[in-house]
């Protein structure tokens, strides 16, 4: 299987300015991400950024970086620019790994790439795991996905789907046995030909209201295959508290 990884990494961040370059165990956070991406077996790993400081950090640590435009609305658009700059073939597979996940499992990256490689009819792939925590059930920040019989995505939502009518209508808050409820994991693989078309697709209302850009692909009729993984991934770094947690884990050698 042949695939590449692109890591979108902007310098700006509302809660953690300069997040990509924050130090974790002596290295910038985005470098930890790139190292794990290399371990996935990717043919190439590129950090896609809009800031020369990130480019320089990548070079100092032996990684490739690509300067991209500052005005991209999403990481997907930034990756599409890299695909164009690198002149990748339409059938090439590129995996989008977020630059704020320094503990992402290399196996998960490869699993998502493999899912797309094995399903020629799909334009994208992503991942999910069975939801077990009651606290996540009604949390709008925990995105859910409903699958068909072939592990293709039917819908993504911040709402609790599928809705267990009898359990929840009576005020129940626990997960009924057998309910096929999955938590979406925010990692994607794309066929490059699809990425070249994505930016031209009009955002539908469901994307705007849910604030989930993968719904654009579904709305326009593109298939998304989903790898169901056993293990929930470790959380990314969004807040100062997340950063301290990750720093402790690296310091403890976990």
Protein backbone atom coordinates (compact mmCIF):
# COMPACT_ATOMS: atom_id res chain seq x y z
CA UNK A 1 0.00 0.00 0.00
CA UNK A 2 1.32 3.41 -0.99
CA UNK A 3 0.21 6.61 0.75
CA UNK A 4 1.50 9.97 1.93
CA UNK A 5 0.72 12.02 5.03
CA UNK A 6 0.10 15.76 5.13
CA UNK A 7 0.01 17.54 8.50
CA UNK A 8 -1.80 20.92 8.40
CA UNK A 9 -0.12 23.18 10.96
CA UNK A 10 -1.04 26.84 11.24
CA UNK A 11 0.84 29.10 13.64
CA UNK A 12 -2.29 30.93 14.76
CA UNK A 13 -4.44 29.34 17.46
CA UNK A 14 -7.09 31.05 19.57
CA UNK A 15 -6.47 29.15 22.80
CA UNK A 16 -2.81 28.24 22.31
CA UNK A 17 -0.94 30.74 20.11
CA UNK A 18 1.91 29.12 18.23
CA UNK A 19 0.55 25.72 19.22
CA UNK A 20 2.44 23.76 16.55
CA UNK A 21 5.79 24.91 17.99
CA UNK A 22 5.06 24.46 21.69
CA UNK A 23 7.75 22.40 23.37
CA UNK A 24 7.03 18.83 24.41
CA UNK A 25 9.98 16.81 25.72
CA UNK A 26 12.46 19.03 23.90
CA UNK A 27 10.75 19.09 20.50
CA UNK A 28 8.00 21.18 18.89
CA UNK A 29 4.61 19.46 19.04
CA UNK A 30 4.27 19.19 15.25
CA UNK A 31 7.60 17.33 15.07
CA UNK A 32 6.24 14.61 17.37
CA UNK A 33 3.28 14.30 15.00
CA UNK A 34 5.59 14.02 11.98
CA UNK A 35 7.70 11.36 13.68
CA UNK A 36 4.65 9.22 14.36
CA UNK A 37 3.43 9.75 10.81
CA UNK A 38 6.77 8.42 9.53
CA UNK A 39 6.32 5.31 11.67
CA UNK A 40 3.02 4.59 9.89
CA UNK A 41 4.83 3.47 6.76
CA UNK A 42 3.90 6.53 4.69
CA UNK A 43 6.03 7.05 1.57
CA UNK A 44 6.34 10.76 2.40
CA UNK A 45 5.32 13.10 5.23
CA UNK A 46 4.82 16.82 4.60
CA UNK A 47 4.01 19.52 7.14
CA UNK A 48 1.71 22.05 5.44
CA UNK A 49 1.92 25.47 7.03
CA UNK A 50 1.50 29.20 6.48
CA UNK A 51 4.40 30.25 8.69
CA UNK A 52 8.16 30.26 8.06
CA UNK A 53 8.88 29.45 11.71
CA UNK A 54 7.18 26.09 11.31
CA UNK A 55 9.03 25.47 8.04
CA UNK A 56 12.33 26.16 9.78
CA UNK A 57 11.47 23.89 12.73
CA UNK A 58 10.65 21.09 10.30
CA UNK A 59 13.96 21.50 8.49
CA UNK A 60 15.95 21.55 11.73
CA UNK A 61 14.46 18.19 12.68
CA UNK A 62 14.84 16.58 9.26
CA UNK A 63 11.25 16.82 8.06
CA UNK A 64 9.73 18.23 4.87
CA UNK A 65 7.49 21.28 4.97
CA UNK A 66 5.40 23.02 2.30
CA UNK A 67 4.43 26.69 2.52
CA UNK A 68 0.74 27.20 1.73
CA UNK A 69 -1.60 30.18 1.51
CA UNK A 70 -2.84 31.83 4.70
CA UNK A 71 -6.47 32.13 3.66
CA UNK A 72 -7.50 28.49 3.70
CA UNK A 73 -10.82 27.89 5.44
CA UNK A 74 -9.89 24.38 6.56
CA UNK A 75 -7.08 21.88 6.81
CA UNK A 76 -8.62 20.00 3.89
CA UNK A 77 -8.19 23.03 1.64
CA UNK A 78 -4.58 23.36 2.79
CA UNK A 79 -3.93 19.71 1.94
CA UNK A 80 -5.52 20.19 -1.48
CA UNK A 81 -2.92 22.91 -2.18
CA UNK A 82 -0.11 20.51 -1.23
CA UNK A 83 -1.56 17.87 -3.56
CA UNK A 84 -1.51 20.41 -6.39
CA UNK A 85 2.03 21.63 -5.60
CA UNK A 86 3.38 18.09 -5.41
CA UNK A 87 1.45 17.10 -8.56
CA UNK A 88 0.15 13.89 -7.01
CA UNK A 89 -1.79 11.47 -9.21
CA UNK A 90 -5.58 11.35 -8.91
CA UNK A 91 -5.50 7.82 -7.51
CA UNK A 92 -2.83 8.61 -4.89
CA UNK A 93 -3.91 8.40 -1.24
CA UNK A 94 -3.13 11.21 1.19
CA UNK A 95 -3.86 11.06 4.92
CA UNK A 96 -4.73 14.19 6.88
CA UNK A 97 -3.11 14.02 10.34
CA UNK A 98 -3.81 16.97 12.61
CA UNK A 99 -0.76 18.89 13.84
CA UNK A 100 -1.97 18.94 17.45
CA UNK A 101 -2.01 15.17 18.04
CA UNK A 102 1.53 14.37 19.23
CA UNK A 103 0.48 10.96 20.57
CA UNK A 104 -1.44 9.70 17.54
CA UNK A 105 -0.93 5.99 16.94
CA UNK A 106 1.00 5.21 13.73
CA UNK A 107 -1.18 2.13 13.34
CA UNK A 108 -4.32 4.27 13.18
CA UNK A 109 -2.83 6.35 10.36
CA UNK A 110 -2.05 3.21 8.40
CA UNK A 111 -5.46 1.69 9.18
CA UNK A 112 -7.28 4.68 7.68
CA UNK A 113 -5.08 4.63 4.58
CA UNK A 114 -5.66 0.89 4.21
CA UNK A 115 -9.44 1.29 4.47
CA UNK A 116 -9.43 3.65 1.50
CA UNK A 117 -7.00 1.49 -0.46
CA UNK A 118 -9.30 -1.51 -0.04
CA UNK A 119 -12.49 0.31 -1.10
CA UNK A 120 -12.10 1.57 -4.64
CA UNK A 121 -15.62 3.02 -4.65
CA UNK A 122 -14.87 5.43 -1.78
CA UNK A 123 -13.50 8.96 -2.14
CA UNK A 124 -12.53 9.26 1.53
CA UNK A 125 -11.96 7.18 4.60
CA UNK A 126 -11.99 7.95 8.30
CA UNK A 127 -12.21 6.05 11.60
CA UNK A 128 -14.46 5.48 14.57
CA UNK A 129 -14.70 3.39 17.72
CA UNK A 130 -17.59 2.10 19.78
CA UNK A 131 -18.78 4.70 22.27
CA UNK A 132 -18.76 3.41 25.85
CA UNK A 133 -18.59 6.47 28.11
CA UNK A 134 -21.95 7.71 29.30
CA UNK A 135 -20.55 11.25 29.54
CA UNK A 136 -19.93 11.24 25.77
CA UNK A 137 -23.42 10.12 24.83
CA UNK A 138 -25.05 13.56 24.78
CA UNK A 139 -21.88 15.66 24.42
CA UNK A 140 -22.12 17.79 21.27
CA UNK A 141 -18.31 17.93 21.08
CA UNK A 142 -18.25 14.16 20.62
CA UNK A 143 -19.18 13.56 16.98
CA UNK A 144 -21.11 10.38 16.21
CA UNK A 145 -21.28 8.42 12.96
CA UNK A 146 -23.85 5.91 11.72
CA UNK A 147 -22.61 3.16 9.40
CA UNK A 148 -24.24 0.96 6.78
CA UNK A 149 -23.73 -2.80 6.43
CA UNK A 150 -20.45 -2.25 4.57
CA UNK A 151 -18.94 0.25 7.06
CA UNK A 152 -19.71 3.25 4.87
CA UNK A 153 -20.79 6.42 6.65
CA UNK A 154 -24.49 7.20 6.45
CA UNK A 155 -24.31 10.39 8.52
CA UNK A 156 -22.15 12.27 11.00
CA UNK A 157 -23.71 14.37 13.75
CA UNK A 158 -23.08 16.13 17.01
CA UNK A 159 -26.45 14.76 18.11
CA UNK A 160 -26.93 11.35 19.68
CA UNK A 161 -27.41 9.00 16.73
CA UNK A 162 -28.80 6.44 16.41
CA UNK A 163 -31.47 7.58 18.88
CA UNK A 164 -32.63 4.82 21.22
CA UNK A 165 -36.27 5.88 21.30
CA UNK A 166 -37.58 3.75 24.16
CA UNK A 167 -34.56 4.29 26.42
CA UNK A 168 -34.09 8.01 25.87
CA UNK A 169 -37.74 9.02 25.64
CA UNK A 170 -38.19 7.74 29.17
CA UNK A 171 -35.35 9.90 30.43
CA UNK A 172 -32.67 7.23 30.34
CA UNK A 173 -29.08 8.43 30.08
CA UNK A 174 -27.18 5.17 29.74
CA UNK A 175 -26.16 3.37 26.54
CA UNK A 176 -28.62 0.54 25.90
CA UNK A 177 -26.97 -2.87 25.28
CA UNK A 178 -26.51 -3.49 21.58
CA UNK A 179 -26.93 0.14 20.47
CA UNK A 180 -24.50 0.56 17.51
CA UNK A 181 -23.26 4.00 18.49
CA UNK A 182 -19.81 5.07 17.34
CA UNK A 183 -17.59 8.00 18.13
CA UNK A 184 -15.99 9.54 15.07
CA UNK A 185 -12.20 9.96 15.11
CA UNK A 186 -11.05 13.07 13.25
CA UNK A 187 -8.52 11.56 10.87
CA UNK A 188 -9.12 11.30 7.12
CA UNK A 189 -7.61 9.76 4.01
CA UNK A 190 -8.52 11.08 0.55
CA UNK A 191 -8.00 10.12 -3.04
CA UNK A 192 -6.19 13.08 -4.57
CA UNK A 193 -8.63 13.30 -7.46
CA UNK A 194 -11.42 13.90 -4.97
CA UNK A 195 -9.40 16.55 -3.12
CA UNK A 196 -8.99 18.48 -6.36
CA UNK A 197 -12.80 18.62 -6.64
CA UNK A 198 -13.58 19.21 -2.96
CA UNK A 199 -12.86 22.94 -2.86
CA UNK A 200 -15.35 23.50 -5.69
CA UNK A 201 -18.20 21.73 -3.89
CA UNK A 202 -20.80 24.07 -2.41
CA UNK A 203 -21.13 23.72 1.39
CA UNK A 204 -24.61 22.36 2.17
CA UNK A 205 -26.81 23.52 5.03
CA UNK A 206 -26.12 20.34 7.03
CA UNK A 207 -22.41 21.16 7.02
CA UNK A 208 -22.98 24.72 8.20
CA UNK A 209 -25.39 23.79 10.99
CA UNK A 210 -23.45 20.77 12.26
CA UNK A 211 -20.05 22.46 11.64
CA UNK A 212 -18.75 19.18 10.17
CA UNK A 213 -16.99 19.53 6.83
CA UNK A 214 -17.12 15.80 6.02
CA UNK A 215 -20.88 16.20 5.50
CA UNK A 216 -20.10 18.13 2.32
CA UNK A 217 -18.74 14.97 0.73
CA UNK A 218 -21.77 12.90 1.77
CA UNK A 219 -24.26 15.54 0.63
CA UNK A 220 -22.69 15.64 -2.83
CA UNK A 221 -22.87 11.85 -3.13
CA UNK A 222 -19.28 10.82 -2.36
CA UNK A 223 -18.74 7.67 -0.33
CA UNK A 224 -16.79 7.68 2.94
CA UNK A 225 -15.59 4.31 4.20
CA UNK A 226 -14.98 4.02 7.94
CA UNK A 227 -12.41 1.89 9.74
CA UNK A 228 -13.86 0.64 13.03
CA UNK A 229 -10.97 0.49 15.47
CA UNK A 230 -10.92 -1.11 18.89
CA UNK A 231 -8.99 1.56 20.77
CA UNK A 232 -10.02 5.15 21.40
CA UNK A 233 -7.18 7.48 20.38
CA UNK A 234 -5.52 9.73 22.90
CA UNK A 235 -6.83 13.29 22.97
CA UNK A 236 -5.15 16.05 21.01
CA UNK A 237 -3.90 19.33 22.44
CA UNK A 238 -6.54 22.07 22.44
CA UNK A 239 -6.09 23.74 25.81
CA UNK A 240 -3.25 24.57 28.25
CA UNK A 241 -4.52 21.71 30.42
CA UNK A 242 -4.21 19.28 27.48
CA UNK A 243 -0.66 20.49 26.90
CA UNK A 244 0.39 19.85 30.49
CA UNK A 245 -1.19 16.39 30.41
CA UNK A 246 0.74 15.44 27.27
CA UNK A 247 3.98 16.87 28.67
CA UNK A 248 3.58 14.71 31.78
CA UNK A 249 2.98 11.59 29.68
CA UNK A 250 6.13 12.19 27.64
CA UNK A 251 8.13 12.99 30.78
CA UNK A 252 6.97 9.73 32.37
CA UNK A 253 7.92 7.79 29.23
CA UNK A 254 4.35 6.63 28.67
